Amino acid sequence: MHESGSPWIPLLSREIVNLQQQQVIAKIYKKWWVDMAGTKCTDDEEEDAVNSNALGVRYIIIAYFVLAAILSAIFDFCN
């Protein structure tokens, strides 16, 4: 185990170094921060993104309620 207590730190550090050596991080940085700098979404794109995000949040909330209902039923049945 690593001195900080997390066994994931050496693995993640190794993978980050591998990504840096393969220039993956530089390519992602260039794509999103250099090439996309100054570009703006059109109103339609922005509206679609907001609507899809709101729909995704609704699905997550519904899934949590369903999961809570199932777990509640299981715990009530077991006790």
N, C-alpha and C. Protein backbone atom coordinates (compact mmCIF):
# COMPACT_ATOMS: atom_id res chain seq x y z
N MET A 1 0.84 -1.18 0.00
CA MET A 1 0.00 0.00 0.00
C MET A 1 0.89 1.24 0.00
N HIS A 2 0.43 2.29 -0.62
CA HIS A 2 1.16 3.54 -0.71
C HIS A 2 1.12 4.25 0.64
N GLU A 3 2.09 5.09 0.91
CA GLU A 3 2.19 5.76 2.21
C GLU A 3 0.99 6.62 2.55
N SER A 4 0.25 7.10 1.53
CA SER A 4 -0.93 7.91 1.82
C SER A 4 -2.12 7.03 2.19
N GLY A 5 -1.99 5.74 1.98
CA GLY A 5 -3.05 4.83 2.34
C GLY A 5 -3.88 4.35 1.17
N SER A 6 -3.68 4.90 -0.01
CA SER A 6 -4.49 4.48 -1.14
C SER A 6 -3.66 3.61 -2.09
N PRO A 7 -4.17 2.41 -2.38
CA PRO A 7 -3.43 1.54 -3.30
C PRO A 7 -3.57 1.99 -4.76
N TRP A 8 -4.43 2.95 -5.04
CA TRP A 8 -4.68 3.41 -6.41
C TRP A 8 -3.65 4.44 -6.89
N ILE A 9 -2.99 5.12 -5.98
CA ILE A 9 -2.09 6.21 -6.36
C ILE A 9 -0.98 5.75 -7.30
N PRO A 10 -0.27 4.68 -7.00
CA PRO A 10 0.80 4.26 -7.94
C PRO A 10 0.25 3.88 -9.31
N LEU A 11 -0.87 3.19 -9.35
CA LEU A 11 -1.47 2.78 -10.63
C LEU A 11 -1.89 4.00 -11.44
N LEU A 12 -2.60 4.93 -10.81
CA LEU A 12 -3.04 6.14 -11.52
C LEU A 12 -1.86 6.99 -11.97
N SER A 13 -0.85 7.12 -11.14
CA SER A 13 0.33 7.89 -11.51
C SER A 13 1.02 7.29 -12.72
N ARG A 14 1.14 5.97 -12.74
CA ARG A 14 1.76 5.27 -13.87
C ARG A 14 0.96 5.50 -15.16
N GLU A 15 -0.36 5.41 -15.05
CA GLU A 15 -1.20 5.59 -16.24
C GLU A 15 -1.16 7.02 -16.75
N ILE A 16 -1.11 7.99 -15.84
CA ILE A 16 -0.99 9.40 -16.26
C ILE A 16 0.32 9.62 -16.99
N VAL A 17 1.40 9.05 -16.49
CA VAL A 17 2.70 9.17 -17.16
C VAL A 17 2.64 8.52 -18.54
N ASN A 18 2.00 7.34 -18.64
CA ASN A 18 1.85 6.68 -19.94
C ASN A 18 1.08 7.56 -20.92
N LEU A 19 -0.01 8.16 -20.46
CA LEU A 19 -0.80 9.04 -21.33
C LEU A 19 0.01 10.26 -21.76
N GLN A 20 0.83 10.79 -20.85
CA GLN A 20 1.67 11.93 -21.20
C GLN A 20 2.71 11.53 -22.24
N GLN A 21 3.31 10.35 -22.08
CA GLN A 21 4.33 9.90 -23.02
C GLN A 21 3.76 9.62 -24.40
N GLN A 22 2.50 9.19 -24.47
CA GLN A 22 1.85 8.91 -25.74
C GLN A 22 1.21 10.16 -26.35
N GLN A 23 1.37 11.30 -25.71
CA GLN A 23 0.83 12.58 -26.17
C GLN A 23 -0.70 12.62 -26.17
N VAL A 24 -1.36 11.72 -25.46
CA VAL A 24 -2.82 11.70 -25.41
C VAL A 24 -3.33 12.94 -24.69
N ILE A 25 -2.73 13.28 -23.58
CA ILE A 25 -3.16 14.45 -22.81
C ILE A 25 -2.97 15.72 -23.62
N ALA A 26 -1.84 15.83 -24.34
CA ALA A 26 -1.58 17.01 -25.17
C ALA A 26 -2.61 17.12 -26.29
N LYS A 27 -3.00 15.99 -26.89
CA LYS A 27 -4.00 16.01 -27.96
C LYS A 27 -5.37 16.46 -27.43
N ILE A 28 -5.74 15.95 -26.28
CA ILE A 28 -7.02 16.34 -25.68
C ILE A 28 -6.99 17.82 -25.32
N TYR A 29 -5.90 18.27 -24.75
CA TYR A 29 -5.78 19.69 -24.39
C TYR A 29 -5.91 20.56 -25.64
N LYS A 30 -5.19 20.18 -26.70
CA LYS A 30 -5.24 20.96 -27.94
C LYS A 30 -6.66 20.99 -28.51
N LYS A 31 -7.33 19.84 -28.49
CA LYS A 31 -8.67 19.77 -29.07
C LYS A 31 -9.65 20.67 -28.33
N TRP A 32 -9.63 20.64 -26.99
CA TRP A 32 -10.66 21.34 -26.23
C TRP A 32 -10.28 22.74 -25.79
N TRP A 33 -8.99 23.03 -25.62
CA TRP A 33 -8.61 24.36 -25.13
C TRP A 33 -7.95 25.23 -26.18
N VAL A 34 -7.34 24.65 -27.20
CA VAL A 34 -6.69 25.46 -28.23
C VAL A 34 -7.60 25.57 -29.45
N ASP A 35 -8.00 24.43 -30.02
CA ASP A 35 -8.82 24.44 -31.23
C ASP A 35 -10.21 25.02 -30.99
N MET A 36 -10.78 24.78 -29.83
CA MET A 36 -12.13 25.24 -29.53
C MET A 36 -12.17 26.63 -28.90
N ALA A 37 -11.01 27.22 -28.67
CA ALA A 37 -10.97 28.54 -28.03
C ALA A 37 -11.68 29.57 -28.90
N GLY A 38 -12.57 30.30 -28.29
CA GLY A 38 -13.26 31.37 -28.98
C GLY A 38 -14.48 30.93 -29.77
N THR A 39 -14.70 29.63 -29.89
CA THR A 39 -15.90 29.17 -30.61
C THR A 39 -17.09 29.22 -29.67
N LYS A 40 -18.23 29.49 -30.22
CA LYS A 40 -19.44 29.58 -29.42
C LYS A 40 -20.49 28.64 -30.00
N CYS A 41 -21.31 28.12 -29.14
CA CYS A 41 -22.42 27.29 -29.57
C CYS A 41 -23.50 28.18 -30.18
N THR A 42 -24.18 27.65 -31.16
CA THR A 42 -25.34 28.37 -31.66
C THR A 42 -26.45 28.22 -30.64
N ASP A 43 -27.47 29.03 -30.75
CA ASP A 43 -28.59 28.96 -29.80
C ASP A 43 -29.24 27.58 -29.83
N ASP A 44 -29.35 26.98 -31.02
CA ASP A 44 -29.96 25.65 -31.13
C ASP A 44 -29.13 24.60 -30.42
N GLU A 45 -27.80 24.65 -30.61
CA GLU A 45 -26.92 23.68 -29.95
C GLU A 45 -26.98 23.84 -28.44
N GLU A 46 -26.99 25.09 -27.99
CA GLU A 46 -27.03 25.36 -26.55
C GLU A 46 -28.35 24.87 -25.95
N GLU A 47 -29.44 25.12 -26.66
CA GLU A 47 -30.76 24.68 -26.18
C GLU A 47 -30.84 23.16 -26.14
N ASP A 48 -30.30 22.49 -27.17
CA ASP A 48 -30.30 21.03 -27.19
C ASP A 48 -29.49 20.47 -26.03
N ALA A 49 -28.35 21.09 -25.75
CA ALA A 49 -27.50 20.62 -24.66
C ALA A 49 -28.21 20.78 -23.32
N VAL A 50 -28.88 21.90 -23.12
CA VAL A 50 -29.60 22.13 -21.87
C VAL A 50 -30.74 21.13 -21.73
N ASN A 51 -31.49 20.91 -22.81
CA ASN A 51 -32.60 19.95 -22.75
C ASN A 51 -32.11 18.53 -22.50
N SER A 52 -31.03 18.12 -23.14
CA SER A 52 -30.54 16.75 -22.93
C SER A 52 -29.98 16.59 -21.52
N ASN A 53 -29.33 17.64 -20.99
CA ASN A 53 -28.83 17.57 -19.61
C ASN A 53 -29.99 17.47 -18.62
N ALA A 54 -31.04 18.24 -18.85
CA ALA A 54 -32.19 18.21 -17.94
C ALA A 54 -32.86 16.84 -18.00
N LEU A 55 -32.95 16.28 -19.19
CA LEU A 55 -33.56 14.96 -19.33
C LEU A 55 -32.71 13.90 -18.63
N GLY A 56 -31.40 14.01 -18.75
CA GLY A 56 -30.50 13.08 -18.09
C GLY A 56 -30.64 13.15 -16.58
N VAL A 57 -30.76 14.36 -16.05
CA VAL A 57 -30.93 14.53 -14.60
C VAL A 57 -32.24 13.89 -14.16
N ARG A 58 -33.29 14.06 -14.95
CA ARG A 58 -34.58 13.45 -14.60
C ARG A 58 -34.46 11.93 -14.55
N TYR A 59 -33.77 11.34 -15.53
CA TYR A 59 -33.59 9.89 -15.53
C TYR A 59 -32.82 9.41 -14.30
N ILE A 60 -31.80 10.15 -13.92
CA ILE A 60 -31.01 9.78 -12.75
C ILE A 60 -31.87 9.86 -11.49
N ILE A 61 -32.65 10.92 -11.35
CA ILE A 61 -33.51 11.06 -10.17
C ILE A 61 -34.53 9.93 -10.11
N ILE A 62 -35.14 9.62 -11.24
CA ILE A 62 -36.12 8.52 -11.28
C ILE A 62 -35.45 7.20 -10.91
N ALA A 63 -34.24 6.98 -11.44
CA ALA A 63 -33.52 5.74 -11.13
C ALA A 63 -33.23 5.64 -9.64
N TYR A 64 -32.85 6.75 -9.02
CA TYR A 64 -32.58 6.73 -7.57
C TYR A 64 -33.85 6.44 -6.78
N PHE A 65 -34.97 7.02 -7.18
CA PHE A 65 -36.23 6.74 -6.50
C PHE A 65 -36.62 5.27 -6.63
N VAL A 66 -36.44 4.71 -7.82
CA VAL A 66 -36.76 3.29 -8.04
C VAL A 66 -35.83 2.43 -7.19
N LEU A 67 -34.55 2.74 -7.18
CA LEU A 67 -33.60 1.99 -6.37
C LEU A 67 -33.95 2.10 -4.89
N ALA A 68 -34.31 3.29 -4.43
CA ALA A 68 -34.69 3.47 -3.02
C ALA A 68 -35.93 2.66 -2.68
N ALA A 69 -36.90 2.62 -3.59
CA ALA A 69 -38.11 1.85 -3.35
C ALA A 69 -37.79 0.36 -3.27
N ILE A 70 -36.94 -0.12 -4.17
CA ILE A 70 -36.56 -1.54 -4.16
C ILE A 70 -35.82 -1.89 -2.88
N LEU A 71 -34.84 -1.05 -2.50
CA LEU A 71 -34.08 -1.32 -1.28
C LEU A 71 -34.98 -1.25 -0.05
N SER A 72 -35.89 -0.30 -0.04
CA SER A 72 -36.83 -0.19 1.08
C SER A 72 -37.69 -1.45 1.19
N ALA A 73 -38.16 -1.94 0.05
CA ALA A 73 -38.98 -3.16 0.06
C ALA A 73 -38.16 -4.36 0.53
N ILE A 74 -36.93 -4.45 0.10
CA ILE A 74 -36.06 -5.56 0.52
C ILE A 74 -35.82 -5.50 2.01
N PHE A 75 -35.48 -4.33 2.54
CA PHE A 75 -35.21 -4.21 3.97
C PHE A 75 -36.47 -4.46 4.80
N ASP A 76 -37.61 -4.00 4.33
CA ASP A 76 -38.86 -4.27 5.04
C ASP A 76 -39.18 -5.76 5.02
N PHE A 77 -38.91 -6.41 3.91
CA PHE A 77 -39.20 -7.84 3.79
C PHE A 77 -38.27 -8.66 4.67
N CYS A 78 -37.02 -8.25 4.77
CA CYS A 78 -36.04 -9.00 5.56
C CYS A 78 -36.24 -8.80 7.07
N ASN A 79 -36.82 -7.71 7.46
CA ASN A 79 -37.00 -7.44 8.89
C ASN A 79 -38.36 -7.83 9.28
